[in-house]
Amino acid sequence: MAQSTRRTALSVRHLVGIKDLTESDIQLILETASQFKEVINRPIKKSPRYAM
């Protein structure tokens, strides 16, 4: 079974455009947006990572 490696940072330092993004950069942005969408739709809008 192949293990996927999860990226946590873009290959570019500043995101001022999309011209220099790689396919994996775009995938990371879409996955991150999906996670934030789940947080926004919660009645209590706190991410479990930061909830105290």
C-alpha atoms as a PDB file:
ATOM      1  CA  MET A   1       0.000   0.000   0.000  1.00  0.00           C
ATOM      2  CA  ALA A   2       1.484   3.330  -1.062  1.00  0.00           C
ATOM      3  CA  GLN A   3       1.727   6.000   1.580  1.00  0.00           C
ATOM      4  CA  SER A   4       0.965   9.533   0.448  1.00  0.00           C
ATOM      5  CA  THR A   5       3.106  12.373   1.682  1.00  0.00           C
ATOM      6  CA  ARG A   6       1.157  15.424   2.719  1.00  0.00           C
ATOM      7  CA  ARG A   7       2.690  18.769   1.857  1.00  0.00           C
ATOM      8  CA  THR A   8       2.243  21.666   4.221  1.00  0.00           C
ATOM      9  CA  ALA A   9       3.948  24.475   2.309  1.00  0.00           C
ATOM     10  CA  LEU A  10       3.867  25.905  -1.171  1.00  0.00           C
ATOM     11  CA  SER A  11       6.924  25.734  -3.396  1.00  0.00           C
ATOM     12  CA  VAL A  12       6.861  29.547  -3.698  1.00  0.00           C
ATOM     13  CA  ARG A  13       7.500  31.943  -0.830  1.00  0.00           C
ATOM     14  CA  HIS A  14       4.801  34.497  -1.695  1.00  0.00           C
ATOM     15  CA  LEU A  15       1.568  33.838  -3.537  1.00  0.00           C
ATOM     16  CA  VAL A  16       1.167  36.854  -5.808  1.00  0.00           C
ATOM     17  CA  GLY A  17       0.053  34.935  -8.868  1.00  0.00           C
ATOM     18  CA  ILE A  18      -0.597  31.436 -10.124  1.00  0.00           C
ATOM     19  CA  LYS A  19       1.842  31.324 -13.021  1.00  0.00           C
ATOM     20  CA  ASP A  20       4.656  29.744 -10.999  1.00  0.00           C
ATOM     21  CA  LEU A  21       2.532  27.250  -9.033  1.00  0.00           C
ATOM     22  CA  THR A  22       3.059  23.548  -9.476  1.00  0.00           C
ATOM     23  CA  GLU A  23       0.264  21.012  -9.740  1.00  0.00           C
ATOM     24  CA  SER A  24       0.913  19.946  -6.146  1.00  0.00           C
ATOM     25  CA  ASP A  25       0.738  23.607  -5.002  1.00  0.00           C
ATOM     26  CA  ILE A  26      -2.717  23.940  -6.538  1.00  0.00           C
ATOM     27  CA  GLN A  27      -3.812  20.651  -4.973  1.00  0.00           C
ATOM     28  CA  LEU A  28      -2.593  21.862  -1.559  1.00  0.00           C
ATOM     29  CA  ILE A  29      -4.542  25.119  -1.924  1.00  0.00           C
ATOM     30  CA  LEU A  30      -7.735  23.247  -2.837  1.00  0.00           C
ATOM     31  CA  GLU A  31      -7.356  20.780   0.056  1.00  0.00           C
ATOM     32  CA  THR A  32      -6.743  23.628   2.507  1.00  0.00           C
ATOM     33  CA  ALA A  33      -9.782  25.514   1.219  1.00  0.00           C
ATOM     34  CA  SER A  34     -11.900  22.391   1.687  1.00  0.00           C
ATOM     35  CA  GLN A  35     -10.776  22.105   5.311  1.00  0.00           C
ATOM     36  CA  PHE A  36     -11.583  25.760   5.970  1.00  0.00           C
ATOM     37  CA  LYS A  37     -15.001  25.308   4.351  1.00  0.00           C
ATOM     38  CA  GLU A  38     -15.771  22.623   6.947  1.00  0.00           C
ATOM     39  CA  VAL A  39     -14.785  25.010   9.759  1.00  0.00           C
ATOM     40  CA  ILE A  40     -16.889  27.854   8.354  1.00  0.00           C
ATOM     41  CA  ASN A  41     -19.981  25.625   8.229  1.00  0.00           C
ATOM     42  CA  ARG A  42     -19.709  24.645  11.922  1.00  0.00           C
ATOM     43  CA  PRO A  43     -22.000  26.268  14.487  1.00  0.00           C
ATOM     44  CA  ILE A  44     -18.911  27.057  16.597  1.00  0.00           C
ATOM     45  CA  LYS A  45     -16.294  28.268  14.158  1.00  0.00           C
ATOM     46  CA  LYS A  46     -13.136  27.028  15.868  1.00  0.00           C
ATOM     47  CA  SER A  47     -10.658  24.654  14.395  1.00  0.00           C
ATOM     48  CA  PRO A  48      -9.967  21.724  16.745  1.00  0.00           C
ATOM     49  CA  ARG A  49      -6.264  22.457  16.396  1.00  0.00           C
ATOM     50  CA  TYR A  50      -6.639  25.891  17.983  1.00  0.00           C
ATOM     51  CA  ALA A  51      -9.608  25.308  20.304  1.00  0.00           C
ATOM     52  CA  MET A  52      -8.746  25.590  23.969  1.00  0.00           C
END
